[in-house]
């Protein structure tokens, strides 16, 4: 492989927004020995191991509380949870866990590991996701790989909808120290699988409990990725 030579005084930055396991999907050229020791800086979502921090999004606290009819929002929901996946046979086994959860609440599995997702364009977050406001109580933001600090657009792009976010992202206990209390439901914050799924079932069955959780979530919002990216670009400069 021909490797471009770095000019004298030029800075090379390695930027990555996917977890490490995904970079092998299209071959392993990126990890070729010819590239070793050629980059000066790294720019990734891993805040523990980077020069420039570039997460896939950021939750921000509202300066003024939303005044809304949360009970009406909860009562209009007719379905349990929805999982939309773009990959199959991933190391996080998201399909397996979703099917276990189906024993407690109804879960619709869509995408490459379930029913064909016919709405909109793949990888585009468009108005197809309005069903999270009107129909589904839970959005299963299950990550395709469980890596330190890895929380993808599945969480951030869906956060502003009226649907509780349930995630498997990060490593053990990371959700509780990364996101404000009450904003994101982590599958690893319970003592057992039964306790975890029974809690989700209780939220599903009780509009009152669901409203409490929805209000906590709505104290924050997910800012635009463009602002997060712009901040990283400014730090890079």
C-alpha atoms as a PDB file:
ATOM      1  CA  UNK A   1       0.000   0.000   0.000  1.00  0.00           C
ATOM      2  CA  UNK A   2       1.280   3.467  -0.878  1.00  0.00           C
ATOM      3  CA  UNK A   3       1.221   5.680   2.183  1.00  0.00           C
ATOM      4  CA  UNK A   4       1.081   9.456   1.851  1.00  0.00           C
ATOM      5  CA  UNK A   5       4.114  11.079   3.403  1.00  0.00           C
ATOM      6  CA  UNK A   6       3.563  13.746   6.017  1.00  0.00           C
ATOM      7  CA  UNK A   7       5.016  17.112   5.106  1.00  0.00           C
ATOM      8  CA  UNK A   8       7.487  18.737   7.457  1.00  0.00           C
ATOM      9  CA  UNK A   9       5.596  20.672  10.112  1.00  0.00           C
ATOM     10  CA  UNK A  10       2.236  19.135   9.160  1.00  0.00           C
ATOM     11  CA  UNK A  11      -0.010  17.707  11.889  1.00  0.00           C
ATOM     12  CA  UNK A  12      -1.990  14.520  11.268  1.00  0.00           C
ATOM     13  CA  UNK A  13      -5.100  13.835  13.312  1.00  0.00           C
ATOM     14  CA  UNK A  14      -6.774  10.419  13.548  1.00  0.00           C
ATOM     15  CA  UNK A  15     -10.530  10.930  13.933  1.00  0.00           C
ATOM     16  CA  UNK A  16     -12.936   8.096  14.749  1.00  0.00           C
ATOM     17  CA  UNK A  17     -16.659   8.204  15.510  1.00  0.00           C
ATOM     18  CA  UNK A  18     -17.331   4.437  15.429  1.00  0.00           C
ATOM     19  CA  UNK A  19     -16.183   1.859  17.953  1.00  0.00           C
ATOM     20  CA  UNK A  20     -12.894   0.079  17.115  1.00  0.00           C
ATOM     21  CA  UNK A  21     -14.564  -3.192  16.106  1.00  0.00           C
ATOM     22  CA  UNK A  22     -16.437  -1.485  13.254  1.00  0.00           C
ATOM     23  CA  UNK A  23     -13.331  -0.421  11.414  1.00  0.00           C
ATOM     24  CA  UNK A  24     -12.724  -4.004  10.364  1.00  0.00           C
ATOM     25  CA  UNK A  25     -15.974  -4.161   8.360  1.00  0.00           C
ATOM     26  CA  UNK A  26     -14.295  -2.759   5.248  1.00  0.00           C
ATOM     27  CA  UNK A  27     -10.926  -4.437   5.691  1.00  0.00           C
ATOM     28  CA  UNK A  28      -8.007  -3.789   8.013  1.00  0.00           C
ATOM     29  CA  UNK A  29      -6.119  -1.242   5.943  1.00  0.00           C
ATOM     30  CA  UNK A  30      -6.545   1.379   8.661  1.00  0.00           C
ATOM     31  CA  UNK A  31      -4.500  -0.736  11.122  1.00  0.00           C
ATOM     32  CA  UNK A  32      -1.696  -1.521   8.665  1.00  0.00           C
ATOM     33  CA  UNK A  33       1.784  -1.231  10.169  1.00  0.00           C
ATOM     34  CA  UNK A  34       2.623   1.487   7.623  1.00  0.00           C
ATOM     35  CA  UNK A  35       0.253   3.833   9.476  1.00  0.00           C
ATOM     36  CA  UNK A  36       1.724   3.258  12.910  1.00  0.00           C
ATOM     37  CA  UNK A  37       3.401   6.271  14.567  1.00  0.00           C
ATOM     38  CA  UNK A  38       2.225   8.584  11.783  1.00  0.00           C
ATOM     39  CA  UNK A  39      -0.525  10.435  13.629  1.00  0.00           C
ATOM     40  CA  UNK A  40       0.188  13.286  16.026  1.00  0.00           C
ATOM     41  CA  UNK A  41      -3.235  13.563  17.636  1.00  0.00           C
ATOM     42  CA  UNK A  42      -6.434  11.573  18.098  1.00  0.00           C
ATOM     43  CA  UNK A  43     -10.000  12.887  18.041  1.00  0.00           C
ATOM     44  CA  UNK A  44     -12.582  10.384  19.327  1.00  0.00           C
ATOM     45  CA  UNK A  45     -15.634   9.893  21.554  1.00  0.00           C
ATOM     46  CA  UNK A  46     -13.432   8.251  24.224  1.00  0.00           C
ATOM     47  CA  UNK A  47     -12.854  11.079  26.687  1.00  0.00           C
ATOM     48  CA  UNK A  48     -10.332   8.974  28.634  1.00  0.00           C
ATOM     49  CA  UNK A  49      -7.988   8.453  25.676  1.00  0.00           C
ATOM     50  CA  UNK A  50      -7.939  11.354  23.221  1.00  0.00           C
ATOM     51  CA  UNK A  51      -6.361  14.684  22.404  1.00  0.00           C
ATOM     52  CA  UNK A  52      -9.620  16.212  21.177  1.00  0.00           C
ATOM     53  CA  UNK A  53     -12.993  15.074  22.516  1.00  0.00           C
ATOM     54  CA  UNK A  54     -15.686  14.513  19.869  1.00  0.00           C
ATOM     55  CA  UNK A  55     -18.708  12.650  21.286  1.00  0.00           C
ATOM     56  CA  UNK A  56     -21.709  11.709  19.165  1.00  0.00           C
ATOM     57  CA  UNK A  57     -23.836  14.205  21.071  1.00  0.00           C
ATOM     58  CA  UNK A  58     -24.380  15.998  24.359  1.00  0.00           C
ATOM     59  CA  UNK A  59     -27.271  16.414  26.795  1.00  0.00           C
ATOM     60  CA  UNK A  60     -27.872  19.926  28.066  1.00  0.00           C
ATOM     61  CA  UNK A  61     -30.068  21.143  30.913  1.00  0.00           C
ATOM     62  CA  UNK A  62     -33.021  23.329  29.985  1.00  0.00           C
ATOM     63  CA  UNK A  63     -32.904  26.867  31.331  1.00  0.00           C
ATOM     64  CA  UNK A  64     -36.694  26.894  31.623  1.00  0.00           C
ATOM     65  CA  UNK A  65     -38.877  23.854  32.331  1.00  0.00           C
ATOM     66  CA  UNK A  66     -41.247  22.565  29.688  1.00  0.00           C
ATOM     67  CA  UNK A  67     -44.920  23.038  30.519  1.00  0.00           C
ATOM     68  CA  UNK A  68     -46.662  20.072  28.931  1.00  0.00           C
ATOM     69  CA  UNK A  69     -49.460  17.578  29.481  1.00  0.00           C
ATOM     70  CA  UNK A  70     -47.293  14.565  30.246  1.00  0.00           C
ATOM     71  CA  UNK A  71     -50.280  12.420  31.196  1.00  0.00           C
ATOM     72  CA  UNK A  72     -51.778  12.894  27.733  1.00  0.00           C
ATOM     73  CA  UNK A  73     -48.455  11.933  26.162  1.00  0.00           C
ATOM     74  CA  UNK A  74     -48.275   8.729  28.222  1.00  0.00           C
ATOM     75  CA  UNK A  75     -51.887   7.713  27.652  1.00  0.00           C
ATOM     76  CA  UNK A  76     -51.717   8.031  23.861  1.00  0.00           C
ATOM     77  CA  UNK A  77     -48.944   5.430  23.634  1.00  0.00           C
ATOM     78  CA  UNK A  78     -50.185   2.109  22.264  1.00  0.00           C
ATOM     79  CA  UNK A  79     -46.932   0.137  21.870  1.00  0.00           C
ATOM     80  CA  UNK A  80     -44.081  -0.880  24.157  1.00  0.00           C
ATOM     81  CA  UNK A  81     -40.576  -0.530  22.756  1.00  0.00           C
ATOM     82  CA  UNK A  82     -38.960  -0.336  19.352  1.00  0.00           C
ATOM     83  CA  UNK A  83     -35.485  -1.409  18.274  1.00  0.00           C
ATOM     84  CA  UNK A  84     -34.125  -0.288  14.915  1.00  0.00           C
ATOM     85  CA  UNK A  85     -30.806  -1.901  14.031  1.00  0.00           C
ATOM     86  CA  UNK A  86     -28.521  -1.443  11.029  1.00  0.00           C
ATOM     87  CA  UNK A  87     -26.303  -4.473  11.753  1.00  0.00           C
ATOM     88  CA  UNK A  88     -26.688  -8.182  12.414  1.00  0.00           C
ATOM     89  CA  UNK A  89     -24.594 -10.720  14.352  1.00  0.00           C
ATOM     90  CA  UNK A  90     -22.869  -7.978  16.325  1.00  0.00           C
ATOM     91  CA  UNK A  91     -20.787  -8.688  19.389  1.00  0.00           C
ATOM     92  CA  UNK A  92     -23.275  -6.920  21.681  1.00  0.00           C
ATOM     93  CA  UNK A  93     -26.035  -9.428  20.761  1.00  0.00           C
ATOM     94  CA  UNK A  94     -28.711  -6.752  20.803  1.00  0.00           C
ATOM     95  CA  UNK A  95     -31.276  -8.960  19.080  1.00  0.00           C
ATOM     96  CA  UNK A  96     -30.887 -11.631  21.765  1.00  0.00           C
ATOM     97  CA  UNK A  97     -31.463  -9.171  24.571  1.00  0.00           C
ATOM     98  CA  UNK A  98     -34.450  -7.575  22.812  1.00  0.00           C
ATOM     99  CA  UNK A  99     -36.092 -10.990  22.520  1.00  0.00           C
ATOM    100  CA  UNK A 100     -35.549 -11.631  26.235  1.00  0.00           C
ATOM    101  CA  UNK A 101     -37.187  -8.298  26.999  1.00  0.00           C
ATOM    102  CA  UNK A 102     -40.172  -9.316  24.857  1.00  0.00           C
ATOM    103  CA  UNK A 103     -41.182 -11.678  27.667  1.00  0.00           C
ATOM    104  CA  UNK A 104     -42.001  -8.613  29.780  1.00  0.00           C
ATOM    105  CA  UNK A 105     -43.135  -5.893  27.364  1.00  0.00           C
ATOM    106  CA  UNK A 106     -44.012  -5.866  23.658  1.00  0.00           C
ATOM    107  CA  UNK A 107     -40.967  -5.020  21.547  1.00  0.00           C
ATOM    108  CA  UNK A 108     -40.927  -4.397  17.798  1.00  0.00           C
ATOM    109  CA  UNK A 109     -37.575  -5.307  16.222  1.00  0.00           C
ATOM    110  CA  UNK A 110     -36.939  -3.542  12.928  1.00  0.00           C
ATOM    111  CA  UNK A 111     -34.024  -3.254  10.515  1.00  0.00           C
ATOM    112  CA  UNK A 112     -31.479  -5.881   9.551  1.00  0.00           C
ATOM    113  CA  UNK A 113     -32.134  -8.006  12.634  1.00  0.00           C
ATOM    114  CA  UNK A 114     -35.935  -7.879  12.442  1.00  0.00           C
ATOM    115  CA  UNK A 115     -38.792  -6.618  10.302  1.00  0.00           C
ATOM    116  CA  UNK A 116     -37.812  -4.624   7.243  1.00  0.00           C
ATOM    117  CA  UNK A 117     -37.691  -0.902   8.047  1.00  0.00           C
ATOM    118  CA  UNK A 118     -39.419   0.546   5.004  1.00  0.00           C
ATOM    119  CA  UNK A 119     -39.698   4.164   6.071  1.00  0.00           C
ATOM    120  CA  UNK A 120     -37.264   6.872   4.961  1.00  0.00           C
ATOM    121  CA  UNK A 121     -33.603   6.384   4.079  1.00  0.00           C
ATOM    122  CA  UNK A 122     -31.136   4.238   5.985  1.00  0.00           C
ATOM    123  CA  UNK A 123     -28.846   6.189   8.337  1.00  0.00           C
ATOM    124  CA  UNK A 124     -31.005   9.337   7.956  1.00  0.00           C
ATOM    125  CA  UNK A 125     -32.864  10.490  11.050  1.00  0.00           C
ATOM    126  CA  UNK A 126     -36.030  11.817   9.430  1.00  0.00           C
ATOM    127  CA  UNK A 127     -39.725  12.153  10.323  1.00  0.00           C
ATOM    128  CA  UNK A 128     -40.075   8.366  10.267  1.00  0.00           C
ATOM    129  CA  UNK A 129     -39.011   8.560  13.908  1.00  0.00           C
ATOM    130  CA  UNK A 130     -42.095  10.614  14.823  1.00  0.00           C
ATOM    131  CA  UNK A 131     -43.618   7.307  15.913  1.00  0.00           C
ATOM    132  CA  UNK A 132     -41.520   7.670  19.063  1.00  0.00           C
ATOM    133  CA  UNK A 133     -43.686  10.656  19.986  1.00  0.00           C
ATOM    134  CA  UNK A 134     -47.051   9.147  19.203  1.00  0.00           C
ATOM    135  CA  UNK A 135     -46.797   5.364  19.492  1.00  0.00           C
ATOM    136  CA  UNK A 136     -43.863   3.848  21.389  1.00  0.00           C
ATOM    137  CA  UNK A 137     -43.109   4.160  25.095  1.00  0.00           C
ATOM    138  CA  UNK A 138     -39.474   3.080  24.817  1.00  0.00           C
ATOM    139  CA  UNK A 139     -36.712   3.636  22.301  1.00  0.00           C
ATOM    140  CA  UNK A 140     -34.132   0.860  22.619  1.00  0.00           C
ATOM    141  CA  UNK A 141     -30.835   2.582  21.868  1.00  0.00           C
ATOM    142  CA  UNK A 142     -28.877  -0.681  21.978  1.00  0.00           C
ATOM    143  CA  UNK A 143     -25.310  -0.215  20.751  1.00  0.00           C
ATOM    144  CA  UNK A 144     -23.738  -2.627  18.283  1.00  0.00           C
ATOM    145  CA  UNK A 145     -20.620  -2.866  20.426  1.00  0.00           C
ATOM    146  CA  UNK A 146     -19.999  -2.348  24.125  1.00  0.00           C
ATOM    147  CA  UNK A 147     -16.959  -0.110  24.322  1.00  0.00           C
ATOM    148  CA  UNK A 148     -15.791   2.484  26.826  1.00  0.00           C
ATOM    149  CA  UNK A 149     -17.516   5.868  26.314  1.00  0.00           C
ATOM    150  CA  UNK A 150     -19.287   4.641  23.167  1.00  0.00           C
ATOM    151  CA  UNK A 151     -22.784   6.116  22.909  1.00  0.00           C
ATOM    152  CA  UNK A 152     -23.910   6.614  19.340  1.00  0.00           C
ATOM    153  CA  UNK A 153     -26.471   8.748  17.539  1.00  0.00           C
ATOM    154  CA  UNK A 154     -29.065   6.112  18.488  1.00  0.00           C
ATOM    155  CA  UNK A 155     -29.208   7.752  21.901  1.00  0.00           C
ATOM    156  CA  UNK A 156     -28.648  11.419  21.093  1.00  0.00           C
ATOM    157  CA  UNK A 157     -30.755  11.752  17.937  1.00  0.00           C
ATOM    158  CA  UNK A 158     -33.733  10.045  19.577  1.00  0.00           C
ATOM    159  CA  UNK A 159     -33.476  11.733  22.960  1.00  0.00           C
ATOM    160  CA  UNK A 160     -35.691  14.728  22.156  1.00  0.00           C
ATOM    161  CA  UNK A 161     -38.638  12.500  21.287  1.00  0.00           C
ATOM    162  CA  UNK A 162     -41.349  11.652  23.823  1.00  0.00           C
ATOM    163  CA  UNK A 163     -40.034   8.141  24.347  1.00  0.00           C
ATOM    164  CA  UNK A 164     -37.881   6.861  27.202  1.00  0.00           C
ATOM    165  CA  UNK A 165     -34.352   5.938  26.128  1.00  0.00           C
ATOM    166  CA  UNK A 166     -33.072   2.495  27.137  1.00  0.00           C
ATOM    167  CA  UNK A 167     -29.420   1.844  26.336  1.00  0.00           C
ATOM    168  CA  UNK A 168     -26.832  -0.911  26.585  1.00  0.00           C
ATOM    169  CA  UNK A 169     -23.996   1.479  25.742  1.00  0.00           C
ATOM    170  CA  UNK A 170     -20.620   1.999  27.378  1.00  0.00           C
ATOM    171  CA  UNK A 171     -19.018  -0.277  29.942  1.00  0.00           C
ATOM    172  CA  UNK A 172     -20.423  -1.397  33.302  1.00  0.00           C
ATOM    173  CA  UNK A 173     -21.744   1.557  35.310  1.00  0.00           C
ATOM    174  CA  UNK A 174     -20.751   4.190  32.777  1.00  0.00           C
ATOM    175  CA  UNK A 175     -24.249   5.532  32.060  1.00  0.00           C
ATOM    176  CA  UNK A 176     -24.738   6.675  35.671  1.00  0.00           C
ATOM    177  CA  UNK A 177     -21.575   8.823  35.580  1.00  0.00           C
ATOM    178  CA  UNK A 178     -22.015  10.074  32.012  1.00  0.00           C
ATOM    179  CA  UNK A 179     -25.641  11.207  31.896  1.00  0.00           C
ATOM    180  CA  UNK A 180     -27.724  13.211  34.393  1.00  0.00           C
ATOM    181  CA  UNK A 181     -29.843  11.171  36.789  1.00  0.00           C
ATOM    182  CA  UNK A 182     -33.213  10.179  35.377  1.00  0.00           C
ATOM    183  CA  UNK A 183     -32.397  10.889  31.744  1.00  0.00           C
ATOM    184  CA  UNK A 184     -31.331   7.496  30.386  1.00  0.00           C
ATOM    185  CA  UNK A 185     -32.285   3.984  31.500  1.00  0.00           C
ATOM    186  CA  UNK A 186     -29.228   1.733  31.486  1.00  0.00           C
ATOM    187  CA  UNK A 187     -29.658  -2.020  31.258  1.00  0.00           C
ATOM    188  CA  UNK A 188     -26.658  -2.558  33.563  1.00  0.00           C
ATOM    189  CA  UNK A 189     -27.921  -0.475  36.507  1.00  0.00           C
ATOM    190  CA  UNK A 190     -29.993  -3.298  38.008  1.00  0.00           C
ATOM    191  CA  UNK A 191     -29.045  -6.220  40.224  1.00  0.00           C
ATOM    192  CA  UNK A 192     -30.460  -8.828  37.844  1.00  0.00           C
ATOM    193  CA  UNK A 193     -32.077  -9.279  34.452  1.00  0.00           C
ATOM    194  CA  UNK A 194     -35.441  -9.915  36.120  1.00  0.00           C
ATOM    195  CA  UNK A 195     -35.227  -6.723  38.186  1.00  0.00           C
ATOM    196  CA  UNK A 196     -34.308  -4.732  35.091  1.00  0.00           C
ATOM    197  CA  UNK A 197     -37.105  -6.078  32.932  1.00  0.00           C
ATOM    198  CA  UNK A 198     -39.699  -5.926  35.710  1.00  0.00           C
ATOM    199  CA  UNK A 199     -38.897  -2.224  36.119  1.00  0.00           C
ATOM    200  CA  UNK A 200     -39.488  -1.596  32.432  1.00  0.00           C
ATOM    201  CA  UNK A 201     -42.697  -3.617  32.643  1.00  0.00           C
ATOM    202  CA  UNK A 202     -43.851  -1.434  35.561  1.00  0.00           C
ATOM    203  CA  UNK A 203     -43.202   1.710  33.517  1.00  0.00           C
ATOM    204  CA  UNK A 204     -45.069   0.156  30.622  1.00  0.00           C
ATOM    205  CA  UNK A 205     -48.122  -0.695  32.729  1.00  0.00           C
ATOM    206  CA  UNK A 206     -48.301   2.455  34.870  1.00  0.00           C
ATOM    207  CA  UNK A 207     -48.911   5.841  33.176  1.00  0.00           C
ATOM    208  CA  UNK A 208     -48.164   7.519  36.522  1.00  0.00           C
ATOM    209  CA  UNK A 209     -44.675   5.995  36.797  1.00  0.00           C
ATOM    210  CA  UNK A 210     -44.053   6.663  33.124  1.00  0.00           C
ATOM    211  CA  UNK A 211     -44.929  10.352  33.557  1.00  0.00           C
ATOM    212  CA  UNK A 212     -42.446  10.726  36.428  1.00  0.00           C
ATOM    213  CA  UNK A 213     -39.657   9.319  34.301  1.00  0.00           C
ATOM    214  CA  UNK A 214     -40.669  11.382  31.258  1.00  0.00           C
ATOM    215  CA  UNK A 215     -40.594  14.582  33.307  1.00  0.00           C
ATOM    216  CA  UNK A 216     -37.074  13.781  34.580  1.00  0.00           C
ATOM    217  CA  UNK A 217     -35.917  13.127  31.048  1.00  0.00           C
ATOM    218  CA  UNK A 218     -37.474  16.346  29.748  1.00  0.00           C
ATOM    219  CA  UNK A 219     -35.370  18.488  32.094  1.00  0.00           C
ATOM    220  CA  UNK A 220     -32.630  18.015  29.504  1.00  0.00           C
ATOM    221  CA  UNK A 221     -32.386  18.047  25.734  1.00  0.00           C
ATOM    222  CA  UNK A 222     -29.947  16.772  23.162  1.00  0.00           C
ATOM    223  CA  UNK A 223     -28.168  19.606  21.392  1.00  0.00           C
ATOM    224  CA  UNK A 224     -27.344  19.449  17.707  1.00  0.00           C
ATOM    225  CA  UNK A 225     -24.396  17.356  16.585  1.00  0.00           C
ATOM    226  CA  UNK A 226     -23.211  20.293  14.481  1.00  0.00           C
ATOM    227  CA  UNK A 227     -22.535  22.323  17.643  1.00  0.00           C
ATOM    228  CA  UNK A 228     -20.620  19.424  19.232  1.00  0.00           C
ATOM    229  CA  UNK A 229     -18.624  18.948  16.034  1.00  0.00           C
ATOM    230  CA  UNK A 230     -17.937  22.685  15.725  1.00  0.00           C
ATOM    231  CA  UNK A 231     -16.571  22.775  19.266  1.00  0.00           C
ATOM    232  CA  UNK A 232     -14.192  19.911  18.451  1.00  0.00           C
ATOM    233  CA  UNK A 233     -13.081  21.658  15.257  1.00  0.00           C
ATOM    234  CA  UNK A 234     -12.304  24.820  17.229  1.00  0.00           C
ATOM    235  CA  UNK A 235     -10.207  22.806  19.678  1.00  0.00           C
ATOM    236  CA  UNK A 236      -8.445  21.179  16.728  1.00  0.00           C
ATOM    237  CA  UNK A 237      -7.538  24.579  15.324  1.00  0.00           C
END
